[in-house]
Amino acid sequence: MLRSLVMPGWGQFYNDKPVKGLLYGSLELGLLGLIFYENSKAEHARDMYQETGLVSWQNSYDTHSSLRRDFIWYTAGAWVVGLLDAYVDAYLFSFEAENTGFEGDVGYTMGAVINF
C-alpha cells in the first residue's frame, strides 16, 4: 500500500499484478495530466477575461475551473481505490498457498456427507 502511495501502480506491480499496475498507474497519471490541462485552460481564460472583459471568457473560466475541481476529486478517488487494491492484494497474496491443505479436507467432508 505504501508503494502505491509513492507511485501509482507500484503496489500492484509489487504484488505481481502488472496489468492492474499499468491500469491504476495510467488512470491516476492520466487524471493528473487532465488536472494540469484544465488548470492551464482556466488560467488562460482568466487572463483573457481580465484583458478583454468579455463574459464568454468568464464562462470559459468557470467551465474549466469546474472541470479541474472534478478531475481533482476523480484523481483522489482513483488514488484511494488504488491504495486499497494494493492493500487487499498484499493481504491475499499468500492466501492460496496457505490454504491448499484445507482443500482436501473439504472434499472428504463433502464426500462423507453425500454417502450418508
PDB file of N, CA and C in Angstrom:
ATOM      1  N   MET A   1       0.830  -1.178   0.000  1.00  0.00           N
ATOM      2  CA  MET A   1       0.000   0.000   0.000  1.00  0.00           C
ATOM      3  C   MET A   1       0.883   1.254   0.000  1.00  0.00           C
ATOM      4  N   LEU A   2       1.960   1.221   0.754  1.00  0.00           N
ATOM      5  CA  LEU A   2       2.845   2.382   0.805  1.00  0.00           C
ATOM      6  C   LEU A   2       3.522   2.631  -0.535  1.00  0.00           C
ATOM      7  N   ARG A   3       3.792   1.559  -1.269  1.00  0.00           N
ATOM      8  CA  ARG A   3       4.387   1.732  -2.591  1.00  0.00           C
ATOM      9  C   ARG A   3       3.420   2.467  -3.520  1.00  0.00           C
ATOM     10  N   SER A   4       2.138   2.138  -3.462  1.00  0.00           N
ATOM     11  CA  SER A   4       1.143   2.830  -4.273  1.00  0.00           C
ATOM     12  C   SER A   4       0.951   4.273  -3.820  1.00  0.00           C
ATOM     13  N   LEU A   5       1.251   4.536  -2.579  1.00  0.00           N
ATOM     14  CA  LEU A   5       1.189   5.908  -2.078  1.00  0.00           C
ATOM     15  C   LEU A   5       2.271   6.768  -2.739  1.00  0.00           C
ATOM     16  N   VAL A   6       3.448   6.169  -2.944  1.00  0.00           N
ATOM     17  CA  VAL A   6       4.572   6.893  -3.535  1.00  0.00           C
ATOM     18  C   VAL A   6       4.416   7.035  -5.042  1.00  0.00           C
ATOM     19  N   MET A   7       4.077   5.929  -5.720  1.00  0.00           N
ATOM     20  CA  MET A   7       3.963   5.929  -7.183  1.00  0.00           C
ATOM     21  C   MET A   7       2.743   5.109  -7.580  1.00  0.00           C
ATOM     22  N   PRO A   8       1.808   5.701  -8.298  1.00  0.00           N
ATOM     23  CA  PRO A   8       0.596   4.969  -8.679  1.00  0.00           C
ATOM     24  C   PRO A   8       0.921   3.679  -9.438  1.00  0.00           C
ATOM     25  N   GLY A   9       0.378   2.571  -8.968  1.00  0.00           N
ATOM     26  CA  GLY A   9       0.563   1.277  -9.613  1.00  0.00           C
ATOM     27  C   GLY A   9       1.740   0.469  -9.084  1.00  0.00           C
ATOM     28  N   TRP A  10       2.627   1.085  -8.333  1.00  0.00           N
ATOM     29  CA  TRP A  10       3.812   0.376  -7.836  1.00  0.00           C
ATOM     30  C   TRP A  10       3.428  -0.747  -6.894  1.00  0.00           C
ATOM     31  N   GLY A  11       2.440  -0.548  -6.062  1.00  0.00           N
ATOM     32  CA  GLY A  11       1.994  -1.591  -5.139  1.00  0.00           C
ATOM     33  C   GLY A  11       1.433  -2.799  -5.877  1.00  0.00           C
ATOM     34  N   GLN A  12       0.725  -2.559  -6.972  1.00  0.00           N
ATOM     35  CA  GLN A  12       0.193  -3.663  -7.762  1.00  0.00           C
ATOM     36  C   GLN A  12       1.320  -4.436  -8.442  1.00  0.00           C
ATOM     37  N   PHE A  13       2.329  -3.724  -8.953  1.00  0.00           N
ATOM     38  CA  PHE A  13       3.479  -4.414  -9.545  1.00  0.00           C
ATOM     39  C   PHE A  13       4.195  -5.256  -8.494  1.00  0.00           C
ATOM     40  N   TYR A  14       4.334  -4.728  -7.298  1.00  0.00           N
ATOM     41  CA  TYR A  14       4.996  -5.461  -6.224  1.00  0.00           C
ATOM     42  C   TYR A  14       4.226  -6.734  -5.861  1.00  0.00           C
ATOM     43  N   ASN A  15       2.918  -6.694  -5.985  1.00  0.00           N
ATOM     44  CA  ASN A  15       2.068  -7.856  -5.684  1.00  0.00           C
ATOM     45  C   ASN A  15       1.903  -8.786  -6.873  1.00  0.00           C
ATOM     46  N   ASP A  16       2.755  -8.648  -7.871  1.00  0.00           N
ATOM     47  CA  ASP A  16       2.712  -9.477  -9.089  1.00  0.00           C
ATOM     48  C   ASP A  16       1.400  -9.327  -9.846  1.00  0.00           C
ATOM     49  N   LYS A  17       0.887  -8.131  -9.922  1.00  0.00           N
ATOM     50  CA  LYS A  17      -0.320  -7.815 -10.698  1.00  0.00           C
ATOM     51  C   LYS A  17       0.024  -6.691 -11.681  1.00  0.00           C
ATOM     52  N   PRO A  18       0.839  -7.008 -12.729  1.00  0.00           N
ATOM     53  CA  PRO A  18       1.308  -5.938 -13.620  1.00  0.00           C
ATOM     54  C   PRO A  18       0.193  -5.276 -14.435  1.00  0.00           C
ATOM     55  N   VAL A  19      -0.838  -6.020 -14.792  1.00  0.00           N
ATOM     56  CA  VAL A  19      -1.928  -5.416 -15.557  1.00  0.00           C
ATOM     57  C   VAL A  19      -2.653  -4.375 -14.699  1.00  0.00           C
ATOM     58  N   LYS A  20      -2.920  -4.740 -13.450  1.00  0.00           N
ATOM     59  CA  LYS A  20      -3.536  -3.773 -12.535  1.00  0.00           C
ATOM     60  C   LYS A  20      -2.614  -2.587 -12.308  1.00  0.00           C
ATOM     61  N   GLY A  21      -1.325  -2.838 -12.206  1.00  0.00           N
ATOM     62  CA  GLY A  21      -0.363  -1.762 -12.011  1.00  0.00           C
ATOM     63  C   GLY A  21      -0.385  -0.773 -13.167  1.00  0.00           C
ATOM     64  N   LEU A  22      -0.411  -1.304 -14.381  1.00  0.00           N
ATOM     65  CA  LEU A  22      -0.497  -0.423 -15.550  1.00  0.00           C
ATOM     66  C   LEU A  22      -1.822   0.324 -15.580  1.00  0.00           C
ATOM     67  N   LEU A  23      -2.895  -0.362 -15.238  1.00  0.00           N
ATOM     68  CA  LEU A  23      -4.214   0.261 -15.248  1.00  0.00           C
ATOM     69  C   LEU A  23      -4.293   1.404 -14.238  1.00  0.00           C
ATOM     70  N   TYR A  24      -3.944   1.139 -12.994  1.00  0.00           N
ATOM     71  CA  TYR A  24      -4.014   2.177 -11.961  1.00  0.00           C
ATOM     72  C   TYR A  24      -3.008   3.295 -12.221  1.00  0.00           C
ATOM     73  N   GLY A  25      -1.800   2.933 -12.623  1.00  0.00           N
ATOM     74  CA  GLY A  25      -0.799   3.956 -12.901  1.00  0.00           C
ATOM     75  C   GLY A  25      -1.222   4.866 -14.041  1.00  0.00           C
ATOM     76  N   SER A  26      -1.708   4.271 -15.120  1.00  0.00           N
ATOM     77  CA  SER A  26      -2.154   5.067 -16.267  1.00  0.00           C
ATOM     78  C   SER A  26      -3.355   5.926 -15.914  1.00  0.00           C
ATOM     79  N   LEU A  27      -4.302   5.350 -15.189  1.00  0.00           N
ATOM     80  CA  LEU A  27      -5.502   6.096 -14.811  1.00  0.00           C
ATOM     81  C   LEU A  27      -5.150   7.300 -13.941  1.00  0.00           C
ATOM     82  N   GLU A  28      -4.362   7.076 -12.917  1.00  0.00           N
ATOM     83  CA  GLU A  28      -4.042   8.164 -11.991  1.00  0.00           C
ATOM     84  C   GLU A  28      -3.165   9.228 -12.643  1.00  0.00           C
ATOM     85  N   LEU A  29      -2.181   8.811 -13.427  1.00  0.00           N
ATOM     86  CA  LEU A  29      -1.328   9.793 -14.096  1.00  0.00           C
ATOM     87  C   LEU A  29      -2.088  10.527 -15.202  1.00  0.00           C
ATOM     88  N   GLY A  30      -3.004   9.826 -15.881  1.00  0.00           N
ATOM     89  CA  GLY A  30      -3.832  10.483 -16.888  1.00  0.00           C
ATOM     90  C   GLY A  30      -4.749  11.524 -16.280  1.00  0.00           C
ATOM     91  N   LEU A  31      -5.357  11.184 -15.157  1.00  0.00           N
ATOM     92  CA  LEU A  31      -6.216  12.157 -14.468  1.00  0.00           C
ATOM     93  C   LEU A  31      -5.403  13.343 -13.960  1.00  0.00           C
ATOM     94  N   LEU A  32      -4.203  13.087 -13.494  1.00  0.00           N
ATOM     95  CA  LEU A  32      -3.336  14.175 -13.056  1.00  0.00           C
ATOM     96  C   LEU A  32      -2.993  15.097 -14.227  1.00  0.00           C
ATOM     97  N   GLY A  33      -2.739  14.508 -15.390  1.00  0.00           N
ATOM     98  CA  GLY A  33      -2.491  15.304 -16.590  1.00  0.00           C
ATOM     99  C   GLY A  33      -3.693  16.160 -16.964  1.00  0.00           C
ATOM    100  N   LEU A  34      -4.894  15.608 -16.804  1.00  0.00           N
ATOM    101  CA  LEU A  34      -6.097  16.380 -17.095  1.00  0.00           C
ATOM    102  C   LEU A  34      -6.279  17.548 -16.124  1.00  0.00           C
ATOM    103  N   ILE A  35      -5.865  17.362 -14.884  1.00  0.00           N
ATOM    104  CA  ILE A  35      -5.921  18.466 -13.920  1.00  0.00           C
ATOM    105  C   ILE A  35      -5.039  19.620 -14.409  1.00  0.00           C
ATOM    106  N   PHE A  36      -3.817  19.312 -14.822  1.00  0.00           N
ATOM    107  CA  PHE A  36      -2.907  20.354 -15.294  1.00  0.00           C
ATOM    108  C   PHE A  36      -3.421  21.006 -16.578  1.00  0.00           C
ATOM    109  N   TYR A  37      -4.008  20.197 -17.454  1.00  0.00           N
ATOM    110  CA  TYR A  37      -4.563  20.739 -18.702  1.00  0.00           C
ATOM    111  C   TYR A  37      -5.697  21.720 -18.403  1.00  0.00           C
ATOM    112  N   GLU A  38      -6.642  21.316 -17.564  1.00  0.00           N
ATOM    113  CA  GLU A  38      -7.772  22.194 -17.239  1.00  0.00           C
ATOM    114  C   GLU A  38      -7.310  23.422 -16.463  1.00  0.00           C
ATOM    115  N   ASN A  39      -6.274  23.281 -15.648  1.00  0.00           N
ATOM    116  CA  ASN A  39      -5.728  24.428 -14.939  1.00  0.00           C
ATOM    117  C   ASN A  39      -5.151  25.440 -15.923  1.00  0.00           C
ATOM    118  N   SER A  40      -4.425  24.936 -16.911  1.00  0.00           N
ATOM    119  CA  SER A  40      -3.858  25.815 -17.927  1.00  0.00           C
ATOM    120  C   SER A  40      -4.949  26.550 -18.697  1.00  0.00           C
ATOM    121  N   LYS A  41      -6.003  25.823 -19.083  1.00  0.00           N
ATOM    122  CA  LYS A  41      -7.120  26.436 -19.806  1.00  0.00           C
ATOM    123  C   LYS A  41      -7.834  27.472 -18.937  1.00  0.00           C
ATOM    124  N   ALA A  42      -8.016  27.173 -17.660  1.00  0.00           N
ATOM    125  CA  ALA A  42      -8.696  28.109 -16.755  1.00  0.00           C
ATOM    126  C   ALA A  42      -7.867  29.378 -16.570  1.00  0.00           C
ATOM    127  N   GLU A  43      -6.572  29.221 -16.407  1.00  0.00           N
ATOM    128  CA  GLU A  43      -5.708  30.390 -16.234  1.00  0.00           C
ATOM    129  C   GLU A  43      -5.705  31.257 -17.488  1.00  0.00           C
ATOM    130  N   HIS A  44      -5.671  30.619 -18.654  1.00  0.00           N
ATOM    131  CA  HIS A  44      -5.709  31.371 -19.905  1.00  0.00           C
ATOM    132  C   HIS A  44      -7.032  32.143 -20.030  1.00  0.00           C
ATOM    133  N   ALA A  45      -8.140  31.478 -19.720  1.00  0.00           N
ATOM    134  CA  ALA A  45      -9.446  32.140 -19.805  1.00  0.00           C
ATOM    135  C   ALA A  45      -9.533  33.292 -18.812  1.00  0.00           C
ATOM    136  N   ARG A  46      -8.974  33.127 -17.620  1.00  0.00           N
ATOM    137  CA  ARG A  46      -8.981  34.209 -16.638  1.00  0.00           C
ATOM    138  C   ARG A  46      -8.176  35.405 -17.125  1.00  0.00           C
ATOM    139  N   ASP A  47      -7.002  35.119 -17.692  1.00  0.00           N
ATOM    140  CA  ASP A  47      -6.164  36.204 -18.213  1.00  0.00           C
ATOM    141  C   ASP A  47      -6.863  36.939 -19.355  1.00  0.00           C
ATOM    142  N   MET A  48      -7.509  36.183 -20.223  1.00  0.00           N
ATOM    143  CA  MET A  48      -8.216  36.806 -21.351  1.00  0.00           C
ATOM    144  C   MET A  48      -9.407  37.628 -20.865  1.00  0.00           C
ATOM    145  N   TYR A  49     -10.082  37.166 -19.845  1.00  0.00           N
ATOM    146  CA  TYR A  49     -11.202  37.936 -19.288  1.00  0.00           C
ATOM    147  C   TYR A  49     -10.701  39.246 -18.684  1.00  0.00           C
ATOM    148  N   GLN A  50      -9.566  39.187 -18.005  1.00  0.00           N
ATOM    149  CA  GLN A  50      -9.015  40.406 -17.401  1.00  0.00           C
ATOM    150  C   GLN A  50      -8.577  41.403 -18.473  1.00  0.00           C
ATOM    151  N   GLU A  51      -8.108  40.884 -19.613  1.00  0.00           N
ATOM    152  CA  GLU A  51      -7.675  41.768 -20.697  1.00  0.00           C
ATOM    153  C   GLU A  51      -8.865  42.365 -21.459  1.00  0.00           C
ATOM    154  N   THR A  52      -9.859  41.514 -21.768  1.00  0.00           N
ATOM    155  CA  THR A  52     -10.941  41.951 -22.661  1.00  0.00           C
ATOM    156  C   THR A  52     -12.224  42.317 -21.928  1.00  0.00           C
ATOM    157  N   GLY A  53     -12.475  41.678 -20.807  1.00  0.00           N
ATOM    158  CA  GLY A  53     -13.721  41.916 -20.082  1.00  0.00           C
ATOM    159  C   GLY A  53     -14.921  41.206 -20.690  1.00  0.00           C
ATOM    160  N   LEU A  54     -14.700  40.332 -21.668  1.00  0.00           N
ATOM    161  CA  LEU A  54     -15.800  39.605 -22.310  1.00  0.00           C
ATOM    162  C   LEU A  54     -16.354  38.525 -21.371  1.00  0.00           C
ATOM    163  N   VAL A  55     -17.665  38.445 -21.319  1.00  0.00           N
ATOM    164  CA  VAL A  55     -18.326  37.465 -20.454  1.00  0.00           C
ATOM    165  C   VAL A  55     -18.032  36.041 -20.916  1.00  0.00           C
ATOM    166  N   SER A  56     -17.822  35.843 -22.212  1.00  0.00           N
ATOM    167  CA  SER A  56     -17.544  34.495 -22.721  1.00  0.00           C
ATOM    168  C   SER A  56     -16.268  33.921 -22.109  1.00  0.00           C
ATOM    169  N   TRP A  57     -15.272  34.784 -21.854  1.00  0.00           N
ATOM    170  CA  TRP A  57     -14.055  34.298 -21.215  1.00  0.00           C
ATOM    171  C   TRP A  57     -14.303  33.949 -19.753  1.00  0.00           C
ATOM    172  N   GLN A  58     -15.187  34.680 -19.095  1.00  0.00           N
ATOM    173  CA  GLN A  58     -15.550  34.352 -17.717  1.00  0.00           C
ATOM    174  C   GLN A  58     -16.275  33.009 -17.670  1.00  0.00           C
ATOM    175  N   ASN A  59     -17.164  32.767 -18.636  1.00  0.00           N
ATOM    176  CA  ASN A  59     -17.868  31.481 -18.716  1.00  0.00           C
ATOM    177  C   ASN A  59     -16.889  30.340 -18.977  1.00  0.00           C
ATOM    178  N   SER A  60     -15.913  30.594 -19.842  1.00  0.00           N
ATOM    179  CA  SER A  60     -14.892  29.590 -20.127  1.00  0.00           C
ATOM    180  C   SER A  60     -14.067  29.287 -18.873  1.00  0.00           C
ATOM    181  N   TYR A  61     -13.739  30.349 -18.131  1.00  0.00           N
ATOM    182  CA  TYR A  61     -13.004  30.152 -16.878  1.00  0.00           C
ATOM    183  C   TYR A  61     -13.816  29.307 -15.895  1.00  0.00           C
ATOM    184  N   ASP A  62     -15.105  29.619 -15.763  1.00  0.00           N
ATOM    185  CA  ASP A  62     -15.957  28.862 -14.843  1.00  0.00           C
ATOM    186  C   ASP A  62     -16.032  27.394 -15.243  1.00  0.00           C
ATOM    187  N   THR A  63     -16.162  27.135 -16.543  1.00  0.00           N
ATOM    188  CA  THR A  63     -16.246  25.756 -17.042  1.00  0.00           C
ATOM    189  C   THR A  63     -14.966  24.985 -16.749  1.00  0.00           C
ATOM    190  N   HIS A  64     -13.826  25.585 -17.074  1.00  0.00           N
ATOM    191  CA  HIS A  64     -12.547  24.885 -16.868  1.00  0.00           C
ATOM    192  C   HIS A  64     -12.208  24.746 -15.388  1.00  0.00           C
ATOM    193  N   SER A  65     -12.588  25.701 -14.590  1.00  0.00           N
ATOM    194  CA  SER A  65     -12.365  25.582 -13.145  1.00  0.00           C
ATOM    195  C   SER A  65     -13.191  24.448 -12.556  1.00  0.00           C
ATOM    196  N   SER A  66     -14.424  24.330 -13.033  1.00  0.00           N
ATOM    197  CA  SER A  66     -15.292  23.248 -12.562  1.00  0.00           C
ATOM    198  C   SER A  66     -14.733  21.886 -12.972  1.00  0.00           C
ATOM    199  N   LEU A  67     -14.282  21.776 -14.220  1.00  0.00           N
ATOM    200  CA  LEU A  67     -13.690  20.513 -14.686  1.00  0.00           C
ATOM    201  C   LEU A  67     -12.421  20.187 -13.902  1.00  0.00           C
ATOM    202  N   ARG A  68     -11.616  21.211 -13.620  1.00  0.00           N
ATOM    203  CA  ARG A  68     -10.393  20.995 -12.843  1.00  0.00           C
ATOM    204  C   ARG A  68     -10.728  20.437 -11.460  1.00  0.00           C
ATOM    205  N   ARG A  69     -11.734  21.013 -10.818  1.00  0.00           N
ATOM    206  CA  ARG A  69     -12.158  20.541  -9.496  1.00  0.00           C
ATOM    207  C   ARG A  69     -12.680  19.107  -9.575  1.00  0.00           C
ATOM    208  N   ASP A  70     -13.457  18.801 -10.616  1.00  0.00           N
ATOM    209  CA  ASP A  70     -13.966  17.439 -10.782  1.00  0.00           C
ATOM    210  C   ASP A  70     -12.825  16.440 -10.956  1.00  0.00           C
ATOM    211  N   PHE A  71     -11.831  16.796 -11.785  1.00  0.00           N
ATOM    212  CA  PHE A  71     -10.709  15.885 -12.005  1.00  0.00           C
ATOM    213  C   PHE A  71      -9.862  15.711 -10.747  1.00  0.00           C
ATOM    214  N   ILE A  72      -9.813  16.722  -9.909  1.00  0.00           N
ATOM    215  CA  ILE A  72      -9.108  16.567  -8.629  1.00  0.00           C
ATOM    216  C   ILE A  72      -9.815  15.507  -7.789  1.00  0.00           C
ATOM    217  N   TRP A  73     -11.128  15.552  -7.728  1.00  0.00           N
ATOM    218  CA  TRP A  73     -11.885  14.544  -6.967  1.00  0.00           C
ATOM    219  C   TRP A  73     -11.740  13.160  -7.583  1.00  0.00           C
ATOM    220  N   TYR A  74     -11.806  13.074  -8.917  1.00  0.00           N
ATOM    221  CA  TYR A  74     -11.647  11.773  -9.577  1.00  0.00           C
ATOM    222  C   TYR A  74     -10.267  11.191  -9.302  1.00  0.00           C
ATOM    223  N   THR A  75      -9.239  12.040  -9.347  1.00  0.00           N
ATOM    224  CA  THR A  75      -7.879  11.576  -9.087  1.00  0.00           C
ATOM    225  C   THR A  75      -7.732  11.087  -7.646  1.00  0.00           C
ATOM    226  N   ALA A  76      -8.304  11.829  -6.716  1.00  0.00           N
ATOM    227  CA  ALA A  76      -8.245  11.403  -5.311  1.00  0.00           C
ATOM    228  C   ALA A  76      -8.968  10.070  -5.124  1.00  0.00           C
ATOM    229  N   GLY A  77     -10.114   9.909  -5.758  1.00  0.00           N
ATOM    230  CA  GLY A  77     -10.857   8.649  -5.659  1.00  0.00           C
ATOM    231  C   GLY A  77     -10.082   7.487  -6.249  1.00  0.00           C
ATOM    232  N   ALA A  78      -9.489   7.695  -7.434  1.00  0.00           N
ATOM    233  CA  ALA A  78      -8.699   6.632  -8.066  1.00  0.00           C
ATOM    234  C   ALA A  78      -7.483   6.288  -7.218  1.00  0.00           C
ATOM    235  N   TRP A  79      -6.894   7.288  -6.585  1.00  0.00           N
ATOM    236  CA  TRP A  79      -5.734   7.070  -5.730  1.00  0.00           C
ATOM    237  C   TRP A  79      -6.110   6.216  -4.521  1.00  0.00           C
ATOM    238  N   VAL A  80      -7.228   6.519  -3.886  1.00  0.00           N
ATOM    239  CA  VAL A  80      -7.675   5.751  -2.716  1.00  0.00           C
ATOM    240  C   VAL A  80      -8.012   4.313  -3.122  1.00  0.00           C
ATOM    241  N   VAL A  81      -8.701   4.151  -4.241  1.00  0.00           N
ATOM    242  CA  VAL A  81      -9.041   2.805  -4.713  1.00  0.00           C
ATOM    243  C   VAL A  81      -7.768   2.023  -5.026  1.00  0.00           C
ATOM    244  N   GLY A  82      -6.784   2.672  -5.635  1.00  0.00           N
ATOM    245  CA  GLY A  82      -5.505   2.010  -5.918  1.00  0.00           C
ATOM    246  C   GLY A  82      -4.778   1.593  -4.644  1.00  0.00           C
ATOM    247  N   LEU A  83      -4.815   2.448  -3.633  1.00  0.00           N
ATOM    248  CA  LEU A  83      -4.198   2.094  -2.348  1.00  0.00           C
ATOM    249  C   LEU A  83      -4.892   0.893  -1.714  1.00  0.00           C
ATOM    250  N   LEU A  84      -6.217   0.926  -1.701  1.00  0.00           N
ATOM    251  CA  LEU A  84      -6.967  -0.182  -1.108  1.00  0.00           C
ATOM    252  C   LEU A  84      -6.771  -1.473  -1.888  1.00  0.00           C
ATOM    253  N   ASP A  85      -6.720  -1.376  -3.207  1.00  0.00           N
ATOM    254  CA  ASP A  85      -6.498  -2.568  -4.024  1.00  0.00           C
ATOM    255  C   ASP A  85      -5.123  -3.172  -3.734  1.00  0.00           C
ATOM    256  N   ALA A  86      -4.106  -2.337  -3.619  1.00  0.00           N
ATOM    257  CA  ALA A  86      -2.761  -2.837  -3.300  1.00  0.00           C
ATOM    258  C   ALA A  86      -2.748  -3.497  -1.929  1.00  0.00           C
ATOM    259  N   TYR A  87      -3.457  -2.913  -0.971  1.00  0.00           N
ATOM    260  CA  TYR A  87      -3.511  -3.483   0.375  1.00  0.00           C
ATOM    261  C   TYR A  87      -4.200  -4.852   0.354  1.00  0.00           C
ATOM    262  N   VAL A  88      -5.319  -4.950  -0.322  1.00  0.00           N
ATOM    263  CA  VAL A  88      -6.059  -6.218  -0.378  1.00  0.00           C
ATOM    264  C   VAL A  88      -5.237  -7.275  -1.101  1.00  0.00           C
ATOM    265  N   ASP A  89      -4.615  -6.907  -2.224  1.00  0.00           N
ATOM    266  CA  ASP A  89      -3.783  -7.877  -2.946  1.00  0.00           C
ATOM    267  C   ASP A  89      -2.610  -8.348  -2.091  1.00  0.00           C
ATOM    268  N   ALA A  90      -2.012  -7.444  -1.328  1.00  0.00           N
ATOM    269  CA  ALA A  90      -0.899  -7.846  -0.460  1.00  0.00           C
ATOM    270  C   ALA A  90      -1.386  -8.782   0.642  1.00  0.00           C
ATOM    271  N   TYR A  91      -2.559  -8.496   1.170  1.00  0.00           N
ATOM    272  CA  TYR A  91      -3.118  -9.326   2.233  1.00  0.00           C
ATOM    273  C   TYR A  91      -3.454 -10.721   1.713  1.00  0.00           C
ATOM    274  N   LEU A  92      -3.975 -10.800   0.488  1.00  0.00           N
ATOM    275  CA  LEU A  92      -4.382 -12.083  -0.083  1.00  0.00           C
ATOM    276  C   LEU A  92      -3.281 -12.752  -0.902  1.00  0.00           C
ATOM    277  N   PHE A  93      -2.076 -12.167  -0.938  1.00  0.00           N
ATOM    278  CA  PHE A  93      -1.001 -12.663  -1.788  1.00  0.00           C
ATOM    279  C   PHE A  93      -0.689 -14.131  -1.536  1.00  0.00           C
ATOM    280  N   SER A  94      -0.594 -14.536  -0.296  1.00  0.00           N
ATOM    281  CA  SER A  94      -0.239 -15.920   0.014  1.00  0.00           C
ATOM    282  C   SER A  94      -1.455 -16.741   0.443  1.00  0.00           C
ATOM    283  N   PHE A  95      -2.647 -16.251   0.203  1.00  0.00           N
ATOM    284  CA  PHE A  95      -3.857 -16.943   0.627  1.00  0.00           C
ATOM    285  C   PHE A  95      -3.981 -18.324  -0.008  1.00  0.00           C
ATOM    286  N   GLU A  96      -3.735 -18.418  -1.308  1.00  0.00           N
ATOM    287  CA  GLU A  96      -3.876 -19.700  -1.997  1.00  0.00           C
ATOM    288  C   GLU A  96      -2.865 -20.718  -1.490  1.00  0.00           C
ATOM    289  N   ALA A  97      -1.627 -20.310  -1.296  1.00  0.00           N
ATOM    290  CA  ALA A  97      -0.586 -21.230  -0.826  1.00  0.00           C
ATOM    291  C   ALA A  97      -0.862 -21.692   0.603  1.00  0.00           C
ATOM    292  N   GLU A  98      -1.367 -20.817   1.440  1.00  0.00           N
ATOM    293  CA  GLU A  98      -1.625 -21.183   2.834  1.00  0.00           C
ATOM    294  C   GLU A  98      -2.811 -22.126   2.976  1.00  0.00           C
ATOM    295  N   ASN A  99      -3.741 -22.088   2.049  1.00  0.00           N
ATOM    296  CA  ASN A  99      -4.966 -22.853   2.205  1.00  0.00           C
ATOM    297  C   ASN A  99      -5.056 -24.083   1.310  1.00  0.00           C
ATOM    298  N   THR A 100      -3.982 -24.514   0.693  1.00  0.00           N
ATOM    299  CA  THR A 100      -4.039 -25.710  -0.136  1.00  0.00           C
ATOM    300  C   THR A 100      -4.272 -26.957   0.699  1.00  0.00           C
ATOM    301  N   GLY A 101      -3.826 -26.966   1.933  1.00  0.00           N
ATOM    302  CA  GLY A 101      -4.030 -28.125   2.813  1.00  0.00           C
ATOM    303  C   GLY A 101      -5.483 -28.318   3.189  1.00  0.00           C
ATOM    304  N   PHE A 102      -6.280 -27.274   3.174  1.00  0.00           N
ATOM    305  CA  PHE A 102      -7.684 -27.372   3.555  1.00  0.00           C
ATOM    306  C   PHE A 102      -8.563 -27.911   2.434  1.00  0.00           C
ATOM    307  N   GLU A 103      -8.109 -27.827   1.191  1.00  0.00           N
ATOM    308  CA  GLU A 103      -8.943 -28.251   0.069  1.00  0.00           C
ATOM    309  C   GLU A 103      -9.277 -29.736   0.138  1.00  0.00           C
ATOM    310  N   GLY A 104      -8.310 -30.559   0.498  1.00  0.00           N
ATOM    311  CA  GLY A 104      -8.562 -31.988   0.592  1.00  0.00           C
ATOM    312  C   GLY A 104      -9.558 -32.320   1.690  1.00  0.00           C
ATOM    313  N   ASP A 105      -9.471 -31.645   2.806  1.00  0.00           N
ATOM    314  CA  ASP A 105     -10.392 -31.885   3.899  1.00  0.00           C
ATOM    315  C   ASP A 105     -11.822 -31.544   3.510  1.00  0.00           C
ATOM    316  N   VAL A 106     -12.005 -30.473   2.780  1.00  0.00           N
ATOM    317  CA  VAL A 106     -13.352 -30.077   2.368  1.00  0.00           C
ATOM    318  C   VAL A 106     -13.928 -31.116   1.423  1.00  0.00           C
ATOM    319  N   GLY A 107     -13.105 -31.620   0.515  1.00  0.00           N
ATOM    320  CA  GLY A 107     -13.585 -32.633  -0.424  1.00  0.00           C
ATOM    321  C   GLY A 107     -14.000 -33.916   0.283  1.00  0.00           C
ATOM    322  N   TYR A 108     -13.218 -34.352   1.273  1.00  0.00           N
ATOM    323  CA  TYR A 108     -13.556 -35.562   2.001  1.00  0.00           C
ATOM    324  C   TYR A 108     -14.813 -35.359   2.835  1.00  0.00           C
ATOM    325  N   THR A 109     -14.941 -34.219   3.412  1.00  0.00           N
ATOM    326  CA  THR A 109     -16.116 -33.934   4.225  1.00  0.00           C
ATOM    327  C   THR A 109     -17.371 -33.962   3.363  1.00  0.00           C
ATOM    328  N   MET A 110     -17.273 -33.349   2.211  1.00  0.00           N
ATOM    329  CA  MET A 110     -18.439 -33.324   1.313  1.00  0.00           C
ATOM    330  C   MET A 110     -18.782 -34.750   0.883  1.00  0.00           C
ATOM    331  N   GLY A 111     -17.750 -35.588   0.613  1.00  0.00           N
ATOM    332  CA  GLY A 111     -18.000 -36.972   0.213  1.00  0.00           C
ATOM    333  C   GLY A 111     -18.658 -37.753   1.326  1.00  0.00           C
ATOM    334  N   ALA A 112     -18.239 -37.517   2.566  1.00  0.00           N
ATOM    335  CA  ALA A 112     -18.835 -38.202   3.695  1.00  0.00           C
ATOM    336  C   ALA A 112     -20.287 -37.802   3.873  1.00  0.00           C
ATOM    337  N   VAL A 113     -20.570 -36.542   3.634  1.00  0.00           N
ATOM    338  CA  VAL A 113     -21.956 -36.065   3.772  1.00  0.00           C
ATOM    339  C   VAL A 113     -22.833 -36.683   2.694  1.00  0.00           C
ATOM    340  N   ILE A 114     -22.329 -36.800   1.508  1.00  0.00           N
ATOM    341  CA  ILE A 114     -23.117 -37.371   0.400  1.00  0.00           C
ATOM    342  C   ILE A 114     -23.366 -38.866   0.633  1.00  0.00           C
ATOM    343  N   ASN A 115     -22.388 -39.603   1.207  1.00  0.00           N
ATOM    344  CA  ASN A 115     -22.539 -41.026   1.424  1.00  0.00           C
ATOM    345  C   ASN A 115     -23.583 -41.342   2.489  1.00  0.00           C
ATOM    346  N   PHE A 116     -23.866 -40.437   3.357  1.00  0.00           N
ATOM    347  CA  PHE A 116     -24.861 -40.729   4.392  1.00  0.00           C
ATOM    348  C   PHE A 116     -26.174 -40.733   3.755  1.00  0.00           C
TER     349      PHE A 116
END
